[in-house]
Amino acid sequence: MDHSRTRQRRIGSVGWLMLILLASMIACAPAPPSRESVPPSRRPGAAPPIESVPAPIADVERQAFSGVNDYRTSIGLRPLVNDAYLAQIARHHSRAMAQGLVPFGHAQMKQRAGEVRAYMPARGFAENVAKSSRSLDRVAMATVRNWIASPVHLHNIEGRYSTSGIGAARNEQGVTYLTQVFAGQGG
């Protein structure tokens, strides 16, 4: 009897058995998460569904965005593209400030920049923030005037950005917070 042939058959059988066992383990393993099951903030290049905004706040956002673009075109710059996802990123920051979850200012700006860069190719990122106790019908244009009067904010408005979004939130004390996020080539 040829023992080497028997051993080869046995190793071959064990090899096939291991392959079948491995295949069954792979078949029973949970599938990798589908694109739909991955949280929106983890999906490169995909924006989550855009949340609805109360009409008065949406009006403030539209008016402020329009005011910034009116200024840009008045000095010969192209208008910014209003991106709903960038507005949502800005709105979340405004809401966090309005609720007192973060101080007024640019807290966690690097995180917002990362969200923007995961969503779209952008070498440059900037943001302007504001807060005002003015009535909702006056807050947008007053904010734009203040941004234009401020060299730092004006630098962002006049920067080499192509896309932007403005988000607003108002707290129970009647203070409105605005954030404008800019993305593109950079300042």
N, C-alpha and C. Protein backbone atom coordinates (compact mmCIF):
# COMPACT_ATOMS: atom_id res chain seq x y z
N MET A 1 0.84 -1.17 0.00
CA MET A 1 0.00 0.00 0.00
C MET A 1 0.88 1.23 0.00
N ASP A 2 0.47 2.24 -0.80
CA ASP A 2 1.26 3.46 -0.95
C ASP A 2 0.75 4.49 0.05
N HIS A 3 1.54 4.68 1.15
CA HIS A 3 1.14 5.61 2.21
C HIS A 3 1.18 7.06 1.75
N SER A 4 2.08 7.43 0.87
CA SER A 4 2.17 8.81 0.42
C SER A 4 0.90 9.22 -0.34
N ARG A 5 0.34 8.30 -1.11
CA ARG A 5 -0.88 8.59 -1.86
C ARG A 5 -2.07 8.74 -0.90
N THR A 6 -2.13 7.92 0.12
CA THR A 6 -3.20 8.00 1.11
C THR A 6 -3.11 9.32 1.87
N ARG A 7 -1.89 9.70 2.23
CA ARG A 7 -1.70 10.95 2.96
C ARG A 7 -2.10 12.13 2.06
N GLN A 8 -1.75 12.11 0.79
CA GLN A 8 -2.14 13.19 -0.14
C GLN A 8 -3.65 13.27 -0.24
N ARG A 9 -4.32 12.09 -0.33
CA ARG A 9 -5.77 12.07 -0.40
C ARG A 9 -6.36 12.65 0.88
N ARG A 10 -5.79 12.28 2.05
CA ARG A 10 -6.28 12.77 3.32
C ARG A 10 -6.06 14.28 3.41
N ILE A 11 -4.88 14.79 3.03
CA ILE A 11 -4.60 16.23 3.05
C ILE A 11 -5.53 16.92 2.06
N GLY A 12 -5.71 16.30 0.90
CA GLY A 12 -6.63 16.87 -0.08
C GLY A 12 -8.03 16.95 0.47
N SER A 13 -8.47 15.91 1.17
CA SER A 13 -9.81 15.90 1.77
C SER A 13 -9.92 16.97 2.84
N VAL A 14 -8.87 17.08 3.66
CA VAL A 14 -8.86 18.10 4.71
C VAL A 14 -8.87 19.49 4.07
N GLY A 15 -8.12 19.67 3.02
CA GLY A 15 -8.08 20.95 2.31
C GLY A 15 -9.46 21.33 1.78
N TRP A 16 -10.13 20.36 1.17
CA TRP A 16 -11.48 20.62 0.65
C TRP A 16 -12.45 20.91 1.79
N LEU A 17 -12.32 20.17 2.87
CA LEU A 17 -13.18 20.39 4.03
C LEU A 17 -12.98 21.80 4.59
N MET A 18 -11.73 22.25 4.69
CA MET A 18 -11.43 23.61 5.17
C MET A 18 -12.02 24.66 4.23
N LEU A 19 -11.90 24.43 2.93
CA LEU A 19 -12.43 25.36 1.94
C LEU A 19 -13.95 25.46 2.06
N ILE A 20 -14.62 24.33 2.22
CA ILE A 20 -16.08 24.33 2.38
C ILE A 20 -16.47 25.03 3.67
N LEU A 21 -15.74 24.76 4.76
CA LEU A 21 -16.02 25.41 6.04
C LEU A 21 -15.82 26.92 5.93
N LEU A 22 -14.76 27.36 5.30
CA LEU A 22 -14.49 28.79 5.12
C LEU A 22 -15.59 29.44 4.27
N ALA A 23 -16.00 28.77 3.21
CA ALA A 23 -17.05 29.30 2.34
C ALA A 23 -18.36 29.44 3.10
N SER A 24 -18.67 28.46 3.95
CA SER A 24 -19.91 28.54 4.71
C SER A 24 -19.84 29.66 5.74
N MET A 25 -18.65 29.91 6.31
CA MET A 25 -18.50 31.00 7.27
C MET A 25 -18.69 32.34 6.59
N ILE A 26 -18.14 32.48 5.41
CA ILE A 26 -18.29 33.73 4.66
C ILE A 26 -19.75 33.93 4.29
N ALA A 27 -20.41 32.86 3.86
CA ALA A 27 -21.82 32.96 3.46
C ALA A 27 -22.70 33.32 4.64
N CYS A 28 -22.32 32.92 5.86
CA CYS A 28 -23.13 33.20 7.04
C CYS A 28 -22.74 34.49 7.72
N ALA A 29 -21.63 35.08 7.34
CA ALA A 29 -21.18 36.31 7.97
C ALA A 29 -22.12 37.44 7.58
N PRO A 30 -22.30 38.41 8.45
CA PRO A 30 -23.16 39.52 8.08
C PRO A 30 -22.57 40.27 6.90
N ALA A 31 -23.45 40.72 6.05
CA ALA A 31 -23.01 41.47 4.87
C ALA A 31 -22.45 42.81 5.32
N PRO A 32 -21.50 43.34 4.56
CA PRO A 32 -21.03 44.67 4.92
C PRO A 32 -22.20 45.65 4.83
N PRO A 33 -22.17 46.71 5.63
CA PRO A 33 -23.31 47.61 5.64
C PRO A 33 -23.55 48.21 4.26
N SER A 34 -24.81 48.32 3.90
CA SER A 34 -25.14 48.94 2.63
C SER A 34 -24.96 50.43 2.76
N ARG A 35 -24.90 51.11 1.64
CA ARG A 35 -24.74 52.56 1.63
C ARG A 35 -25.85 53.23 2.44
N GLU A 36 -27.04 52.66 2.39
CA GLU A 36 -28.18 53.26 3.09
C GLU A 36 -28.05 53.11 4.60
N SER A 37 -27.34 52.06 5.09
CA SER A 37 -27.25 51.84 6.52
C SER A 37 -26.09 52.60 7.16
N VAL A 38 -25.20 53.16 6.35
CA VAL A 38 -24.08 53.92 6.88
C VAL A 38 -24.59 55.33 7.20
N PRO A 39 -24.31 55.82 8.40
CA PRO A 39 -24.78 57.17 8.73
C PRO A 39 -24.31 58.18 7.69
N PRO A 40 -25.16 59.16 7.34
CA PRO A 40 -24.82 60.13 6.31
C PRO A 40 -23.48 60.80 6.51
N SER A 41 -23.11 61.08 7.75
CA SER A 41 -21.85 61.77 7.99
C SER A 41 -20.65 60.89 7.67
N ARG A 42 -20.87 59.58 7.50
CA ARG A 42 -19.78 58.65 7.18
C ARG A 42 -19.70 58.32 5.70
N ARG A 43 -20.69 58.77 4.92
CA ARG A 43 -20.71 58.47 3.49
C ARG A 43 -19.91 59.50 2.73
N PRO A 44 -18.79 59.11 2.13
CA PRO A 44 -18.05 60.09 1.36
C PRO A 44 -18.86 60.52 0.14
N GLY A 45 -18.95 61.83 -0.04
CA GLY A 45 -19.61 62.38 -1.22
C GLY A 45 -21.13 62.35 -1.17
N ALA A 46 -21.72 61.96 -0.07
CA ALA A 46 -23.18 61.89 -0.02
C ALA A 46 -23.70 62.78 1.10
N ALA A 47 -24.68 63.56 0.76
CA ALA A 47 -25.31 64.41 1.77
C ALA A 47 -26.51 63.68 2.35
N PRO A 48 -26.74 63.86 3.64
CA PRO A 48 -27.93 63.24 4.22
C PRO A 48 -29.18 63.97 3.73
N PRO A 49 -30.33 63.42 3.99
CA PRO A 49 -31.56 64.14 3.61
C PRO A 49 -31.57 65.51 4.26
N ILE A 50 -32.05 66.47 3.54
CA ILE A 50 -32.10 67.84 4.04
C ILE A 50 -33.34 68.00 4.91
N GLU A 51 -33.13 68.51 6.11
CA GLU A 51 -34.24 68.69 7.05
C GLU A 51 -35.08 69.89 6.65
N SER A 52 -36.34 69.87 7.04
CA SER A 52 -37.20 71.02 6.77
C SER A 52 -36.90 72.11 7.79
N VAL A 53 -37.15 73.33 7.39
CA VAL A 53 -36.85 74.49 8.22
C VAL A 53 -38.11 75.33 8.33
N PRO A 54 -38.43 75.83 9.52
CA PRO A 54 -39.61 76.69 9.64
C PRO A 54 -39.50 77.89 8.68
N ALA A 55 -40.61 78.28 8.11
CA ALA A 55 -40.63 79.34 7.09
C ALA A 55 -39.92 80.62 7.53
N PRO A 56 -40.16 81.14 8.74
CA PRO A 56 -39.47 82.40 9.10
C PRO A 56 -37.95 82.27 9.11
N ILE A 57 -37.45 81.11 9.56
CA ILE A 57 -35.99 80.88 9.57
C ILE A 57 -35.49 80.70 8.15
N ALA A 58 -36.23 79.98 7.33
CA ALA A 58 -35.85 79.80 5.92
C ALA A 58 -35.78 81.16 5.21
N ASP A 59 -36.70 82.06 5.54
CA ASP A 59 -36.67 83.41 4.95
C ASP A 59 -35.41 84.16 5.35
N VAL A 60 -35.03 84.07 6.62
CA VAL A 60 -33.81 84.73 7.09
C VAL A 60 -32.61 84.18 6.32
N GLU A 61 -32.54 82.86 6.18
CA GLU A 61 -31.41 82.24 5.46
C GLU A 61 -31.37 82.71 4.01
N ARG A 62 -32.52 82.71 3.35
CA ARG A 62 -32.59 83.15 1.94
C ARG A 62 -32.19 84.61 1.79
N GLN A 63 -32.71 85.46 2.66
CA GLN A 63 -32.40 86.89 2.57
C GLN A 63 -30.92 87.15 2.80
N ALA A 64 -30.33 86.50 3.79
CA ALA A 64 -28.91 86.69 4.06
C ALA A 64 -28.07 86.20 2.89
N PHE A 65 -28.43 85.05 2.34
CA PHE A 65 -27.67 84.51 1.21
C PHE A 65 -27.77 85.46 0.01
N SER A 66 -28.96 85.95 -0.22
CA SER A 66 -29.19 86.89 -1.32
C SER A 66 -28.38 88.17 -1.11
N GLY A 67 -28.34 88.66 0.13
CA GLY A 67 -27.57 89.87 0.44
C GLY A 67 -26.09 89.68 0.18
N VAL A 68 -25.55 88.54 0.56
CA VAL A 68 -24.13 88.26 0.32
C VAL A 68 -23.87 88.21 -1.19
N ASN A 69 -24.74 87.53 -1.93
CA ASN A 69 -24.54 87.44 -3.38
C ASN A 69 -24.74 88.78 -4.07
N ASP A 70 -25.68 89.59 -3.59
CA ASP A 70 -25.85 90.94 -4.16
C ASP A 70 -24.56 91.73 -4.01
N TYR A 71 -23.94 91.64 -2.83
CA TYR A 71 -22.68 92.33 -2.61
C TYR A 71 -21.60 91.79 -3.55
N ARG A 72 -21.47 90.48 -3.63
CA ARG A 72 -20.43 89.88 -4.49
C ARG A 72 -20.58 90.33 -5.94
N THR A 73 -21.79 90.27 -6.45
CA THR A 73 -21.97 90.67 -7.87
C THR A 73 -21.76 92.17 -8.06
N SER A 74 -22.03 92.98 -7.02
CA SER A 74 -21.84 94.43 -7.14
C SER A 74 -20.37 94.80 -7.29
N ILE A 75 -19.47 93.93 -6.85
CA ILE A 75 -18.03 94.21 -6.99
C ILE A 75 -17.39 93.33 -8.07
N GLY A 76 -18.22 92.70 -8.89
CA GLY A 76 -17.71 91.93 -10.02
C GLY A 76 -17.35 90.49 -9.74
N LEU A 77 -17.72 89.97 -8.58
CA LEU A 77 -17.46 88.56 -8.29
C LEU A 77 -18.67 87.71 -8.69
N ARG A 78 -18.40 86.45 -8.95
CA ARG A 78 -19.51 85.53 -9.26
C ARG A 78 -20.33 85.27 -8.01
N PRO A 79 -21.63 85.07 -8.20
CA PRO A 79 -22.45 84.71 -7.03
C PRO A 79 -22.08 83.31 -6.55
N LEU A 80 -22.25 83.10 -5.28
CA LEU A 80 -22.03 81.78 -4.69
C LEU A 80 -23.20 80.87 -5.02
N VAL A 81 -22.93 79.59 -5.18
CA VAL A 81 -23.99 78.59 -5.35
C VAL A 81 -24.51 78.24 -3.96
N ASN A 82 -25.81 78.30 -3.79
CA ASN A 82 -26.42 77.99 -2.50
C ASN A 82 -26.61 76.47 -2.42
N ASP A 83 -25.88 75.83 -1.53
CA ASP A 83 -25.94 74.38 -1.40
C ASP A 83 -26.73 74.02 -0.14
N ALA A 84 -27.76 73.22 -0.32
CA ALA A 84 -28.64 72.86 0.80
C ALA A 84 -27.91 72.09 1.90
N TYR A 85 -26.96 71.24 1.52
CA TYR A 85 -26.24 70.49 2.55
C TYR A 85 -25.29 71.39 3.34
N LEU A 86 -24.63 72.32 2.67
CA LEU A 86 -23.78 73.26 3.40
C LEU A 86 -24.63 74.13 4.33
N ALA A 87 -25.83 74.49 3.87
CA ALA A 87 -26.74 75.25 4.73
C ALA A 87 -27.12 74.43 5.96
N GLN A 88 -27.30 73.15 5.77
CA GLN A 88 -27.66 72.29 6.90
C GLN A 88 -26.51 72.19 7.90
N ILE A 89 -25.29 72.09 7.41
CA ILE A 89 -24.12 72.09 8.30
C ILE A 89 -24.08 73.39 9.08
N ALA A 90 -24.28 74.50 8.38
CA ALA A 90 -24.30 75.82 9.03
C ALA A 90 -25.44 75.91 10.04
N ARG A 91 -26.60 75.40 9.66
CA ARG A 91 -27.78 75.46 10.53
C ARG A 91 -27.55 74.67 11.83
N HIS A 92 -26.90 73.53 11.72
CA HIS A 92 -26.62 72.74 12.92
C HIS A 92 -25.73 73.52 13.89
N HIS A 93 -24.75 74.25 13.34
CA HIS A 93 -23.89 75.05 14.22
C HIS A 93 -24.68 76.21 14.84
N SER A 94 -25.49 76.87 14.04
CA SER A 94 -26.32 77.96 14.57
C SER A 94 -27.25 77.45 15.67
N ARG A 95 -27.83 76.29 15.44
CA ARG A 95 -28.73 75.71 16.43
C ARG A 95 -27.98 75.36 17.72
N ALA A 96 -26.78 74.82 17.59
CA ALA A 96 -25.98 74.48 18.77
C ALA A 96 -25.64 75.74 19.57
N MET A 97 -25.34 76.83 18.87
CA MET A 97 -25.07 78.10 19.58
C MET A 97 -26.34 78.61 20.24
N ALA A 98 -27.46 78.58 19.52
CA ALA A 98 -28.74 79.08 20.05
C ALA A 98 -29.17 78.29 21.29
N GLN A 99 -28.86 77.02 21.32
CA GLN A 99 -29.24 76.17 22.46
C GLN A 99 -28.21 76.19 23.58
N GLY A 100 -27.12 76.91 23.37
CA GLY A 100 -26.08 76.99 24.39
C GLY A 100 -25.21 75.76 24.49
N LEU A 101 -25.26 74.90 23.47
CA LEU A 101 -24.44 73.68 23.48
C LEU A 101 -22.98 73.98 23.18
N VAL A 102 -22.73 75.03 22.41
CA VAL A 102 -21.38 75.50 22.12
C VAL A 102 -21.40 77.02 22.29
N PRO A 103 -20.26 77.60 22.63
CA PRO A 103 -20.24 79.06 22.77
C PRO A 103 -20.39 79.73 21.41
N PHE A 104 -20.82 80.98 21.42
CA PHE A 104 -20.90 81.73 20.18
C PHE A 104 -19.50 81.84 19.59
N GLY A 105 -19.37 81.49 18.34
CA GLY A 105 -18.06 81.55 17.67
C GLY A 105 -17.87 80.36 16.75
N HIS A 106 -16.63 79.97 16.63
CA HIS A 106 -16.25 78.96 15.63
C HIS A 106 -15.88 77.61 16.25
N ALA A 107 -16.48 77.29 17.38
CA ALA A 107 -16.21 76.00 18.03
C ALA A 107 -16.50 74.85 17.05
N GLN A 108 -15.63 73.88 17.02
CA GLN A 108 -15.76 72.68 16.19
C GLN A 108 -15.73 72.97 14.68
N MET A 109 -15.09 74.07 14.30
CA MET A 109 -15.01 74.43 12.88
C MET A 109 -14.29 73.38 12.05
N LYS A 110 -13.25 72.77 12.61
CA LYS A 110 -12.53 71.73 11.87
C LYS A 110 -13.44 70.56 11.54
N GLN A 111 -14.34 70.24 12.45
CA GLN A 111 -15.30 69.16 12.19
C GLN A 111 -16.21 69.52 11.02
N ARG A 112 -16.70 70.76 10.98
CA ARG A 112 -17.55 71.19 9.86
C ARG A 112 -16.77 71.17 8.56
N ALA A 113 -15.53 71.62 8.61
CA ALA A 113 -14.70 71.60 7.40
C ALA A 113 -14.53 70.16 6.90
N GLY A 114 -14.35 69.23 7.83
CA GLY A 114 -14.23 67.81 7.45
C GLY A 114 -15.50 67.29 6.82
N GLU A 115 -16.65 67.69 7.35
CA GLU A 115 -17.93 67.27 6.76
C GLU A 115 -18.06 67.79 5.34
N VAL A 116 -17.67 69.04 5.15
CA VAL A 116 -17.75 69.64 3.80
C VAL A 116 -16.82 68.91 2.85
N ARG A 117 -15.61 68.65 3.28
CA ARG A 117 -14.63 67.98 2.39
C ARG A 117 -15.02 66.53 2.11
N ALA A 118 -15.74 65.89 3.02
CA ALA A 118 -16.22 64.53 2.77
C ALA A 118 -17.36 64.56 1.74
N TYR A 119 -18.04 65.67 1.68
CA TYR A 119 -19.19 65.82 0.79
C TYR A 119 -18.78 66.30 -0.60
N MET A 120 -17.80 67.19 -0.68
CA MET A 120 -17.43 67.77 -1.97
C MET A 120 -15.94 68.10 -1.97
N PRO A 121 -15.33 68.11 -3.15
CA PRO A 121 -13.92 68.50 -3.19
C PRO A 121 -13.81 70.01 -2.96
N ALA A 122 -13.10 70.40 -1.94
CA ALA A 122 -12.92 71.81 -1.63
C ALA A 122 -11.58 71.99 -0.94
N ARG A 123 -10.73 72.81 -1.52
CA ARG A 123 -9.44 73.07 -0.88
C ARG A 123 -9.58 74.13 0.21
N GLY A 124 -10.55 75.02 0.02
CA GLY A 124 -10.73 76.09 0.98
C GLY A 124 -12.04 75.97 1.74
N PHE A 125 -12.01 76.39 2.99
CA PHE A 125 -13.20 76.39 3.82
C PHE A 125 -13.11 77.60 4.74
N ALA A 126 -14.24 78.28 4.91
CA ALA A 126 -14.30 79.40 5.85
C ALA A 126 -15.72 79.49 6.37
N GLU A 127 -15.88 80.25 7.43
CA GLU A 127 -17.24 80.48 7.92
C GLU A 127 -17.33 81.84 8.58
N ASN A 128 -18.50 82.42 8.52
CA ASN A 128 -18.86 83.63 9.24
C ASN A 128 -19.98 83.26 10.20
N VAL A 129 -19.94 83.84 11.39
CA VAL A 129 -21.03 83.66 12.34
C VAL A 129 -21.51 85.03 12.81
N ALA A 130 -22.75 85.06 13.25
CA ALA A 130 -23.33 86.30 13.78
C ALA A 130 -24.45 85.95 14.74
N LYS A 131 -24.75 86.89 15.60
CA LYS A 131 -25.94 86.75 16.44
C LYS A 131 -26.58 88.13 16.55
N SER A 132 -27.90 88.13 16.65
CA SER A 132 -28.62 89.39 16.67
C SER A 132 -29.95 89.24 17.39
N SER A 133 -30.34 90.29 18.09
CA SER A 133 -31.64 90.32 18.76
C SER A 133 -32.68 91.05 17.91
N ARG A 134 -32.33 91.41 16.70
CA ARG A 134 -33.27 92.11 15.83
C ARG A 134 -34.45 91.21 15.48
N SER A 135 -35.51 91.82 15.02
CA SER A 135 -36.68 91.04 14.58
C SER A 135 -36.29 90.21 13.35
N LEU A 136 -37.00 89.13 13.14
CA LEU A 136 -36.66 88.22 12.04
C LEU A 136 -36.70 88.91 10.67
N ASP A 137 -37.55 89.92 10.52
CA ASP A 137 -37.62 90.59 9.22
C ASP A 137 -36.43 91.53 8.99
N ARG A 138 -35.62 91.78 10.01
CA ARG A 138 -34.47 92.69 9.86
C ARG A 138 -33.12 92.03 10.07
N VAL A 139 -33.12 90.85 10.66
CA VAL A 139 -31.86 90.24 11.07
C VAL A 139 -30.95 89.90 9.89
N ALA A 140 -31.49 89.43 8.79
CA ALA A 140 -30.66 88.99 7.66
C ALA A 140 -29.83 90.13 7.08
N MET A 141 -30.49 91.23 6.74
CA MET A 141 -29.77 92.32 6.09
C MET A 141 -28.83 93.04 7.07
N ALA A 142 -29.24 93.13 8.34
CA ALA A 142 -28.36 93.72 9.34
C ALA A 142 -27.10 92.88 9.49
N THR A 143 -27.26 91.56 9.46
CA THR A 143 -26.10 90.66 9.58
C THR A 143 -25.17 90.83 8.39
N VAL A 144 -25.73 90.86 7.19
CA VAL A 144 -24.90 91.02 5.99
C VAL A 144 -24.15 92.35 6.05
N ARG A 145 -24.82 93.43 6.44
CA ARG A 145 -24.15 94.73 6.55
C ARG A 145 -22.99 94.66 7.55
N ASN A 146 -23.22 94.00 8.69
CA ASN A 146 -22.16 93.87 9.69
C ASN A 146 -21.00 93.03 9.18
N TRP A 147 -21.29 91.95 8.47
CA TRP A 147 -20.22 91.13 7.90
C TRP A 147 -19.40 91.94 6.90
N ILE A 148 -20.07 92.71 6.06
CA ILE A 148 -19.36 93.51 5.05
C ILE A 148 -18.50 94.59 5.72
N ALA A 149 -18.96 95.10 6.86
CA ALA A 149 -18.21 96.14 7.58
C ALA A 149 -17.02 95.57 8.34
N SER A 150 -16.95 94.28 8.50
CA SER A 150 -15.87 93.64 9.25
C SER A 150 -14.83 93.07 8.28
N PRO A 151 -13.56 93.53 8.36
CA PRO A 151 -12.55 93.04 7.41
C PRO A 151 -12.40 91.52 7.38
N VAL A 152 -12.48 90.86 8.52
CA VAL A 152 -12.31 89.40 8.57
C VAL A 152 -13.48 88.71 7.85
N HIS A 153 -14.70 89.13 8.16
CA HIS A 153 -15.88 88.55 7.51
C HIS A 153 -15.92 88.88 6.03
N LEU A 154 -15.54 90.12 5.70
CA LEU A 154 -15.53 90.55 4.30
C LEU A 154 -14.53 89.72 3.49
N HIS A 155 -13.40 89.40 4.11
CA HIS A 155 -12.40 88.56 3.42
C HIS A 155 -13.02 87.23 2.99
N ASN A 156 -13.83 86.64 3.85
CA ASN A 156 -14.50 85.38 3.51
C ASN A 156 -15.53 85.60 2.40
N ILE A 157 -16.31 86.65 2.51
CA ILE A 157 -17.35 86.94 1.50
C ILE A 157 -16.72 87.17 0.14
N GLU A 158 -15.58 87.85 0.10
CA GLU A 158 -14.91 88.16 -1.17
C GLU A 158 -13.93 87.06 -1.60
N GLY A 159 -13.81 86.01 -0.81
CA GLY A 159 -12.83 84.95 -1.08
C GLY A 159 -13.14 84.15 -2.33
N ARG A 160 -12.19 83.31 -2.70
CA ARG A 160 -12.31 82.48 -3.90
C ARG A 160 -13.12 81.22 -3.59
N TYR A 161 -14.33 81.44 -3.17
CA TYR A 161 -15.24 80.34 -2.86
C TYR A 161 -16.32 80.30 -3.92
N SER A 162 -16.80 79.12 -4.20
CA SER A 162 -17.83 78.96 -5.24
C SER A 162 -19.17 78.52 -4.66
N THR A 163 -19.13 77.91 -3.50
CA THR A 163 -20.33 77.30 -2.93
C THR A 163 -20.46 77.73 -1.47
N SER A 164 -21.69 77.86 -1.03
CA SER A 164 -21.91 78.32 0.33
C SER A 164 -23.27 77.84 0.83
N GLY A 165 -23.47 78.00 2.10
CA GLY A 165 -24.77 77.74 2.71
C GLY A 165 -24.89 78.56 3.98
N ILE A 166 -26.07 79.09 4.23
CA ILE A 166 -26.32 79.86 5.44
C ILE A 166 -27.39 79.13 6.24
N GLY A 167 -27.12 78.98 7.53
CA GLY A 167 -28.09 78.36 8.42
C GLY A 167 -28.36 79.28 9.60
N ALA A 168 -29.61 79.35 10.00
CA ALA A 168 -30.00 80.22 11.11
C ALA A 168 -30.79 79.43 12.15
N ALA A 169 -30.78 79.94 13.36
CA ALA A 169 -31.58 79.37 14.45
C ALA A 169 -31.88 80.51 15.42
N ARG A 170 -33.04 80.44 16.04
CA ARG A 170 -33.45 81.47 17.00
C ARG A 170 -33.78 80.79 18.32
N ASN A 171 -33.30 81.36 19.42
CA ASN A 171 -33.57 80.76 20.73
C ASN A 171 -34.80 81.41 21.37
N GLU A 172 -35.16 80.90 22.54
CA GLU A 172 -36.36 81.39 23.23
C GLU A 172 -36.23 82.83 23.71
N GLN A 173 -35.00 83.32 23.82
CA GLN A 173 -34.78 84.70 24.24
C GLN A 173 -34.88 85.67 23.06
N GLY A 174 -35.14 85.15 21.86
CA GLY A 174 -35.28 86.01 20.68
C GLY A 174 -33.97 86.38 20.01
N VAL A 175 -32.90 85.64 20.32
CA VAL A 175 -31.60 85.89 19.68
C VAL A 175 -31.47 84.93 18.50
N THR A 176 -31.17 85.51 17.34
CA THR A 176 -30.98 84.70 16.13
C THR A 176 -29.49 84.53 15.89
N TYR A 177 -29.09 83.29 15.60
CA TYR A 177 -27.70 82.95 15.29
C TYR A 177 -27.64 82.57 13.82
N LEU A 178 -26.65 83.10 13.13
CA LEU A 178 -26.44 82.76 11.72
C LEU A 178 -25.02 82.24 11.53
N THR A 179 -24.90 81.25 10.68
CA THR A 179 -23.59 80.73 10.28
C THR A 179 -23.59 80.63 8.77
N GLN A 180 -22.55 81.16 8.14
CA GLN A 180 -22.37 80.97 6.70
C GLN A 180 -21.10 80.17 6.50
N VAL A 181 -21.24 79.06 5.77
CA VAL A 181 -20.13 78.17 5.46
C VAL A 181 -19.75 78.39 3.99
N PHE A 182 -18.46 78.53 3.73
CA PHE A 182 -17.94 78.75 2.38
C PHE A 182 -17.06 77.56 1.98
N ALA A 183 -17.14 77.14 0.73
CA ALA A 183 -16.27 76.06 0.23
C ALA A 183 -15.84 76.39 -1.20
N GLY A 184 -14.63 76.01 -1.53
CA GLY A 184 -14.11 76.25 -2.88
C GLY A 184 -12.59 76.28 -2.88
N GLN A 185 -12.04 77.16 -3.71
CA GLN A 185 -10.59 77.28 -3.83
C GLN A 185 -9.95 77.83 -2.56
N GLY A 186 -10.62 78.73 -1.92
CA GLY A 186 -10.10 79.30 -0.68
C GLY A 186 -9.95 80.80 -0.77
N GLY A 187 -9.65 81.39 0.38
CA GLY A 187 -9.57 82.85 0.52
C GLY A 187 -8.48 83.43 -0.30
